[in-house]
Amino acid sequence: MTTAILESPVVRDRVDSKEDIEILIEEKLNAFDAAVKRHEFLEIDGDIPGNNPKEDCIKIINHKLECAFAIDVDSVIRQDIESVIHALETGITTRLYGVTRIVGYYSRVSNWNKSKIGELHDRHMGRYSVR
């Protein structure tokens, strides 16, 4: 699953009240939701509650890579949506840790050795059948 490290704080011309912050958060989450919904192979698969609100995550399935990512809500709010979507599309960033399903169980890609990572990158989607 993914974890994203926050790099920059929320910046807005003027944040006068708690209501302004809540509106900003709602706008960012709605924009992220809309970007994933209109995406061709990303899908929101629910949320993963953490031990505290900062650890709450959104589970995203990437049907092209056949893996799942969990990105914390704080990162969706604080980071540029285009860069978050790009990271979810490709899985290429130091802030993402993939989880993939192999022979019926899920495994963290970060625990894999160099050879197994190479195998993952070499996989191709196909239609396989037994005749």
N, C-alpha and C. Protein backbone atom coordinates (compact mmCIF):
# COMPACT_ATOMS: atom_id res chain seq x y z
N MET A 1 0.85 -1.17 0.00
CA MET A 1 0.00 0.00 0.00
C MET A 1 0.89 1.23 0.00
N THR A 2 0.37 2.33 -0.44
CA THR A 2 1.21 3.52 -0.53
C THR A 2 1.21 4.28 0.78
N THR A 3 2.27 4.97 0.97
CA THR A 3 2.33 5.99 2.00
C THR A 3 2.96 7.19 1.34
N ALA A 4 2.43 8.35 1.59
CA ALA A 4 2.98 9.54 0.98
C ALA A 4 3.51 10.45 2.07
N ILE A 5 4.67 11.00 1.87
CA ILE A 5 5.28 11.92 2.82
C ILE A 5 4.90 13.34 2.42
N LEU A 6 4.47 14.10 3.38
CA LEU A 6 4.07 15.48 3.09
C LEU A 6 5.29 16.33 2.83
N GLU A 7 5.24 17.08 1.75
CA GLU A 7 6.38 17.90 1.39
C GLU A 7 6.14 19.39 1.58
N SER A 8 4.92 19.81 1.39
CA SER A 8 4.67 21.25 1.50
C SER A 8 3.32 21.49 2.16
N PRO A 9 3.21 22.55 2.93
CA PRO A 9 1.94 22.85 3.60
C PRO A 9 0.91 23.39 2.63
N VAL A 10 -0.34 23.37 3.07
CA VAL A 10 -1.41 23.95 2.27
C VAL A 10 -1.16 25.45 2.15
N VAL A 11 -1.20 25.95 0.93
CA VAL A 11 -0.98 27.38 0.72
C VAL A 11 -2.21 27.95 0.05
N ARG A 12 -2.74 29.00 0.60
CA ARG A 12 -3.89 29.68 0.04
C ARG A 12 -3.70 31.17 0.28
N ASP A 13 -4.30 31.97 -0.56
CA ASP A 13 -4.11 33.42 -0.41
C ASP A 13 -4.42 33.87 1.02
N ARG A 14 -5.58 33.46 1.52
CA ARG A 14 -5.95 33.84 2.87
C ARG A 14 -6.81 32.77 3.49
N VAL A 15 -6.42 32.30 4.63
CA VAL A 15 -7.23 31.37 5.39
C VAL A 15 -7.59 32.08 6.69
N ASP A 16 -8.84 32.54 6.75
CA ASP A 16 -9.25 33.34 7.88
C ASP A 16 -9.85 32.55 9.03
N SER A 17 -10.43 31.40 8.74
CA SER A 17 -11.13 30.69 9.79
C SER A 17 -11.07 29.19 9.59
N LYS A 18 -11.57 28.50 10.57
CA LYS A 18 -11.66 27.04 10.49
C LYS A 18 -12.56 26.63 9.34
N GLU A 19 -13.59 27.42 9.07
CA GLU A 19 -14.51 27.13 7.96
C GLU A 19 -13.77 27.19 6.62
N ASP A 20 -12.87 28.16 6.46
CA ASP A 20 -12.08 28.26 5.23
C ASP A 20 -11.21 27.02 5.03
N ILE A 21 -10.63 26.53 6.10
CA ILE A 21 -9.79 25.33 6.03
C ILE A 21 -10.65 24.13 5.66
N GLU A 22 -11.82 24.01 6.27
CA GLU A 22 -12.72 22.89 5.97
C GLU A 22 -13.17 22.93 4.51
N ILE A 23 -13.44 24.12 4.00
CA ILE A 23 -13.84 24.27 2.59
C ILE A 23 -12.69 23.85 1.68
N LEU A 24 -11.47 24.30 2.01
CA LEU A 24 -10.29 23.94 1.23
C LEU A 24 -10.08 22.43 1.21
N ILE A 25 -10.20 21.79 2.36
CA ILE A 25 -10.05 20.33 2.45
C ILE A 25 -11.11 19.63 1.61
N GLU A 26 -12.34 20.07 1.72
CA GLU A 26 -13.43 19.47 0.95
C GLU A 26 -13.20 19.64 -0.56
N GLU A 27 -12.74 20.81 -0.98
CA GLU A 27 -12.46 21.05 -2.39
C GLU A 27 -11.37 20.11 -2.91
N LYS A 28 -10.29 19.96 -2.14
CA LYS A 28 -9.18 19.09 -2.56
C LYS A 28 -9.63 17.64 -2.64
N LEU A 29 -10.38 17.16 -1.65
CA LEU A 29 -10.84 15.77 -1.66
C LEU A 29 -11.83 15.53 -2.80
N ASN A 30 -12.70 16.49 -3.06
CA ASN A 30 -13.64 16.36 -4.19
C ASN A 30 -12.91 16.34 -5.52
N ALA A 31 -11.88 17.17 -5.66
CA ALA A 31 -11.10 17.20 -6.90
C ALA A 31 -10.35 15.88 -7.09
N PHE A 32 -9.80 15.32 -6.01
CA PHE A 32 -9.12 14.03 -6.09
C PHE A 32 -10.11 12.93 -6.47
N ASP A 33 -11.27 12.93 -5.83
CA ASP A 33 -12.32 11.95 -6.11
C ASP A 33 -12.73 12.02 -7.59
N ALA A 34 -12.94 13.23 -8.09
CA ALA A 34 -13.34 13.41 -9.49
C ALA A 34 -12.23 12.95 -10.44
N ALA A 35 -10.98 13.25 -10.11
CA ALA A 35 -9.86 12.84 -10.97
C ALA A 35 -9.75 11.33 -11.05
N VAL A 36 -9.94 10.64 -9.93
CA VAL A 36 -9.87 9.18 -9.94
C VAL A 36 -11.07 8.59 -10.67
N LYS A 37 -12.27 9.17 -10.46
CA LYS A 37 -13.48 8.64 -11.11
C LYS A 37 -13.41 8.75 -12.63
N ARG A 38 -12.82 9.81 -13.15
CA ARG A 38 -12.75 9.95 -14.60
C ARG A 38 -11.52 9.26 -15.20
N HIS A 39 -10.70 8.68 -14.34
CA HIS A 39 -9.49 8.00 -14.80
C HIS A 39 -9.86 6.64 -15.37
N GLU A 40 -9.10 6.21 -16.37
CA GLU A 40 -9.45 4.99 -17.08
C GLU A 40 -9.12 3.70 -16.32
N PHE A 41 -8.08 3.69 -15.47
CA PHE A 41 -7.76 2.43 -14.79
C PHE A 41 -7.50 2.57 -13.28
N LEU A 42 -7.80 3.72 -12.70
CA LEU A 42 -7.72 3.88 -11.25
C LEU A 42 -9.12 3.82 -10.66
N GLU A 43 -9.23 3.26 -9.48
CA GLU A 43 -10.54 3.14 -8.83
C GLU A 43 -10.37 3.28 -7.32
N ILE A 44 -11.24 4.07 -6.70
CA ILE A 44 -11.25 4.18 -5.25
C ILE A 44 -11.97 2.95 -4.71
N ASP A 45 -11.31 2.26 -3.77
CA ASP A 45 -11.85 1.01 -3.23
C ASP A 45 -12.19 1.14 -1.75
N GLY A 46 -12.33 2.34 -1.26
CA GLY A 46 -12.72 2.53 0.14
C GLY A 46 -11.67 3.27 0.92
N ASP A 47 -11.89 3.29 2.22
CA ASP A 47 -10.93 3.98 3.08
C ASP A 47 -10.42 3.00 4.13
N ILE A 48 -9.25 3.33 4.65
CA ILE A 48 -8.59 2.51 5.66
C ILE A 48 -8.39 3.39 6.88
N PRO A 49 -9.16 3.15 7.94
CA PRO A 49 -9.00 3.99 9.13
C PRO A 49 -7.68 3.72 9.83
N GLY A 50 -7.05 4.79 10.29
CA GLY A 50 -5.80 4.66 11.03
C GLY A 50 -6.06 4.78 12.52
N ASN A 51 -4.99 4.78 13.28
CA ASN A 51 -5.12 4.93 14.73
C ASN A 51 -5.51 6.35 15.13
N ASN A 52 -5.20 7.31 14.26
CA ASN A 52 -5.61 8.69 14.47
C ASN A 52 -5.92 9.29 13.11
N PRO A 53 -6.57 10.44 13.06
CA PRO A 53 -6.98 11.02 11.76
C PRO A 53 -5.84 11.21 10.76
N LYS A 54 -4.62 11.47 11.23
CA LYS A 54 -3.50 11.67 10.31
C LYS A 54 -3.10 10.38 9.60
N GLU A 55 -3.50 9.24 10.14
CA GLU A 55 -3.15 7.95 9.55
C GLU A 55 -4.26 7.39 8.65
N ASP A 56 -5.40 8.08 8.54
CA ASP A 56 -6.48 7.61 7.67
C ASP A 56 -6.02 7.62 6.22
N CYS A 57 -6.35 6.56 5.49
CA CYS A 57 -5.91 6.42 4.11
C CYS A 57 -7.09 6.12 3.18
N ILE A 58 -6.85 6.38 1.91
CA ILE A 58 -7.81 6.03 0.85
C ILE A 58 -7.16 4.92 0.05
N LYS A 59 -7.89 3.81 -0.15
CA LYS A 59 -7.36 2.69 -0.92
C LYS A 59 -7.71 2.89 -2.40
N ILE A 60 -6.68 2.84 -3.24
CA ILE A 60 -6.83 3.03 -4.69
C ILE A 60 -6.36 1.75 -5.38
N ILE A 61 -7.17 1.25 -6.30
CA ILE A 61 -6.76 0.09 -7.10
C ILE A 61 -6.32 0.59 -8.46
N ASN A 62 -5.16 0.11 -8.89
CA ASN A 62 -4.65 0.40 -10.23
C ASN A 62 -4.85 -0.88 -11.04
N HIS A 63 -5.86 -0.88 -11.92
CA HIS A 63 -6.18 -2.08 -12.70
C HIS A 63 -5.13 -2.38 -13.76
N LYS A 64 -4.41 -1.39 -14.20
CA LYS A 64 -3.37 -1.61 -15.21
C LYS A 64 -2.16 -2.32 -14.60
N LEU A 65 -1.72 -1.87 -13.43
CA LEU A 65 -0.58 -2.49 -12.76
C LEU A 65 -0.99 -3.69 -11.91
N GLU A 66 -2.30 -3.87 -11.76
CA GLU A 66 -2.86 -4.93 -10.93
C GLU A 66 -2.31 -4.89 -9.51
N CYS A 67 -2.42 -3.72 -8.89
CA CYS A 67 -1.98 -3.58 -7.51
C CYS A 67 -2.85 -2.53 -6.82
N ALA A 68 -2.69 -2.43 -5.53
CA ALA A 68 -3.46 -1.47 -4.74
C ALA A 68 -2.51 -0.52 -4.04
N PHE A 69 -2.97 0.70 -3.83
CA PHE A 69 -2.21 1.69 -3.09
C PHE A 69 -3.11 2.28 -2.02
N ALA A 70 -2.52 2.69 -0.93
CA ALA A 70 -3.24 3.42 0.10
C ALA A 70 -2.51 4.74 0.28
N ILE A 71 -3.21 5.83 0.06
CA ILE A 71 -2.59 7.14 0.21
C ILE A 71 -3.27 7.86 1.35
N ASP A 72 -2.47 8.46 2.22
CA ASP A 72 -3.09 9.11 3.37
C ASP A 72 -3.80 10.39 2.94
N VAL A 73 -4.90 10.65 3.61
CA VAL A 73 -5.77 11.78 3.27
C VAL A 73 -5.00 13.10 3.35
N ASP A 74 -4.12 13.22 4.32
CA ASP A 74 -3.32 14.43 4.48
C ASP A 74 -2.50 14.73 3.23
N SER A 75 -1.96 13.69 2.60
CA SER A 75 -1.15 13.89 1.39
C SER A 75 -2.00 14.32 0.21
N VAL A 76 -3.21 13.79 0.13
CA VAL A 76 -4.12 14.21 -0.95
C VAL A 76 -4.43 15.70 -0.80
N ILE A 77 -4.59 16.14 0.42
CA ILE A 77 -4.92 17.55 0.68
C ILE A 77 -3.73 18.46 0.41
N ARG A 78 -2.55 18.05 0.79
CA ARG A 78 -1.38 18.93 0.75
C ARG A 78 -0.61 18.90 -0.56
N GLN A 79 -0.70 17.82 -1.32
CA GLN A 79 0.11 17.73 -2.53
C GLN A 79 -0.71 18.03 -3.77
N ASP A 80 0.00 18.35 -4.83
CA ASP A 80 -0.60 18.63 -6.12
C ASP A 80 -1.30 17.37 -6.63
N ILE A 81 -2.57 17.48 -7.02
CA ILE A 81 -3.36 16.32 -7.43
C ILE A 81 -2.76 15.64 -8.65
N GLU A 82 -2.23 16.39 -9.59
CA GLU A 82 -1.65 15.79 -10.79
C GLU A 82 -0.47 14.88 -10.44
N SER A 83 0.37 15.31 -9.49
CA SER A 83 1.52 14.47 -9.12
C SER A 83 1.07 13.24 -8.34
N VAL A 84 0.03 13.36 -7.55
CA VAL A 84 -0.51 12.20 -6.82
C VAL A 84 -1.08 11.19 -7.81
N ILE A 85 -1.87 11.67 -8.78
CA ILE A 85 -2.46 10.79 -9.79
C ILE A 85 -1.36 10.12 -10.62
N HIS A 86 -0.33 10.88 -10.99
CA HIS A 86 0.78 10.30 -11.76
C HIS A 86 1.47 9.19 -10.96
N ALA A 87 1.69 9.42 -9.68
CA ALA A 87 2.32 8.41 -8.83
C ALA A 87 1.44 7.16 -8.73
N LEU A 88 0.13 7.35 -8.63
CA LEU A 88 -0.79 6.21 -8.56
C LEU A 88 -0.86 5.47 -9.90
N GLU A 89 -0.72 6.19 -11.00
CA GLU A 89 -0.73 5.56 -12.33
C GLU A 89 0.49 4.69 -12.55
N THR A 90 1.65 5.20 -12.18
CA THR A 90 2.90 4.54 -12.51
C THR A 90 3.50 3.76 -11.34
N GLY A 91 3.21 4.20 -10.12
CA GLY A 91 3.85 3.60 -8.96
C GLY A 91 5.30 4.03 -8.82
N ILE A 92 5.72 4.98 -9.67
CA ILE A 92 7.12 5.41 -9.68
C ILE A 92 7.26 6.68 -8.86
N THR A 93 7.67 6.52 -7.65
CA THR A 93 8.03 7.61 -6.75
C THR A 93 8.57 6.99 -5.48
N THR A 94 9.39 7.70 -4.80
CA THR A 94 9.95 7.15 -3.56
C THR A 94 8.92 7.15 -2.44
N ARG A 95 7.82 7.83 -2.64
CA ARG A 95 6.83 7.91 -1.58
C ARG A 95 5.79 6.79 -1.65
N LEU A 96 5.82 5.94 -2.68
CA LEU A 96 4.82 4.90 -2.82
C LEU A 96 5.40 3.53 -2.52
N TYR A 97 4.62 2.75 -1.81
CA TYR A 97 4.99 1.36 -1.55
C TYR A 97 3.83 0.52 -2.02
N GLY A 98 4.05 -0.33 -3.00
CA GLY A 98 2.98 -1.11 -3.60
C GLY A 98 2.66 -2.36 -2.81
N VAL A 99 1.47 -2.82 -3.02
CA VAL A 99 1.04 -4.12 -2.53
C VAL A 99 0.46 -4.84 -3.73
N THR A 100 0.88 -6.05 -3.98
CA THR A 100 0.38 -6.76 -5.14
C THR A 100 -0.10 -8.14 -4.74
N ARG A 101 -0.98 -8.68 -5.54
CA ARG A 101 -1.56 -9.99 -5.24
C ARG A 101 -0.85 -11.04 -6.08
N ILE A 102 -0.25 -11.98 -5.42
CA ILE A 102 0.43 -13.09 -6.08
C ILE A 102 -0.17 -14.38 -5.52
N VAL A 103 -0.57 -15.25 -6.40
CA VAL A 103 -1.16 -16.55 -6.06
C VAL A 103 -2.10 -16.49 -4.85
N GLY A 104 -2.99 -15.53 -4.86
CA GLY A 104 -4.06 -15.50 -3.87
C GLY A 104 -3.80 -14.74 -2.59
N TYR A 105 -2.62 -14.18 -2.40
CA TYR A 105 -2.40 -13.39 -1.18
C TYR A 105 -1.69 -12.09 -1.53
N TYR A 106 -1.82 -11.12 -0.65
CA TYR A 106 -1.21 -9.81 -0.89
C TYR A 106 0.16 -9.74 -0.21
N SER A 107 1.07 -9.08 -0.88
CA SER A 107 2.43 -8.97 -0.39
C SER A 107 2.93 -7.54 -0.61
N ARG A 108 3.69 -7.01 0.34
CA ARG A 108 4.28 -5.68 0.18
C ARG A 108 5.47 -5.76 -0.77
N VAL A 109 5.43 -4.94 -1.78
CA VAL A 109 6.51 -4.92 -2.77
C VAL A 109 7.81 -4.43 -2.13
N SER A 110 7.71 -3.58 -1.11
CA SER A 110 8.92 -3.05 -0.47
C SER A 110 9.75 -4.14 0.20
N ASN A 111 9.15 -5.29 0.47
CA ASN A 111 9.88 -6.41 1.08
C ASN A 111 10.57 -7.28 0.05
N TRP A 112 10.35 -7.04 -1.23
CA TRP A 112 10.85 -7.91 -2.28
C TRP A 112 12.31 -7.59 -2.60
N ASN A 113 13.01 -8.62 -3.10
CA ASN A 113 14.39 -8.41 -3.53
C ASN A 113 14.40 -7.86 -4.96
N LYS A 114 15.59 -7.53 -5.44
CA LYS A 114 15.76 -6.89 -6.75
C LYS A 114 15.20 -7.76 -7.88
N SER A 115 15.39 -9.06 -7.81
CA SER A 115 14.92 -9.97 -8.86
C SER A 115 13.40 -9.99 -8.93
N LYS A 116 12.76 -10.05 -7.77
CA LYS A 116 11.30 -10.11 -7.74
C LYS A 116 10.70 -8.80 -8.25
N ILE A 117 11.32 -7.67 -7.92
CA ILE A 117 10.87 -6.37 -8.43
C ILE A 117 10.99 -6.36 -9.96
N GLY A 118 12.08 -6.92 -10.49
CA GLY A 118 12.25 -7.02 -11.94
C GLY A 118 11.16 -7.84 -12.59
N GLU A 119 10.79 -8.96 -11.95
CA GLU A 119 9.70 -9.79 -12.46
C GLU A 119 8.39 -9.01 -12.49
N LEU A 120 8.14 -8.23 -11.46
CA LEU A 120 6.91 -7.43 -11.40
C LEU A 120 6.86 -6.44 -12.56
N HIS A 121 7.98 -5.80 -12.85
CA HIS A 121 8.01 -4.82 -13.94
C HIS A 121 7.90 -5.49 -15.32
N ASP A 122 8.30 -6.77 -15.41
CA ASP A 122 8.25 -7.49 -16.68
C ASP A 122 6.89 -8.12 -16.97
N ARG A 123 6.00 -8.11 -16.00
CA ARG A 123 4.69 -8.75 -16.21
C ARG A 123 3.88 -8.00 -17.25
N HIS A 124 3.10 -8.76 -18.00
CA HIS A 124 2.23 -8.19 -19.02
C HIS A 124 0.81 -8.69 -18.79
N MET A 125 -0.13 -7.83 -19.05
CA MET A 125 -1.52 -8.23 -18.96
C MET A 125 -1.85 -9.03 -20.23
N GLY A 126 -2.53 -10.14 -20.08
CA GLY A 126 -2.84 -10.95 -21.24
C GLY A 126 -4.07 -11.80 -20.99
N ARG A 127 -4.49 -12.46 -22.02
CA ARG A 127 -5.60 -13.40 -21.92
C ARG A 127 -5.01 -14.79 -22.05
N TYR A 128 -4.98 -15.49 -20.95
CA TYR A 128 -4.38 -16.80 -20.93
C TYR A 128 -5.46 -17.84 -20.70
N SER A 129 -5.35 -18.95 -21.39
CA SER A 129 -6.32 -20.02 -21.21
C SER A 129 -5.66 -21.36 -21.43
N VAL A 130 -6.29 -22.39 -20.92
CA VAL A 130 -5.79 -23.76 -21.10
C VAL A 130 -6.67 -24.42 -22.13
N ARG A 131 -6.07 -25.06 -23.11
CA ARG A 131 -6.85 -25.73 -24.16
C ARG A 131 -6.82 -27.21 -23.99
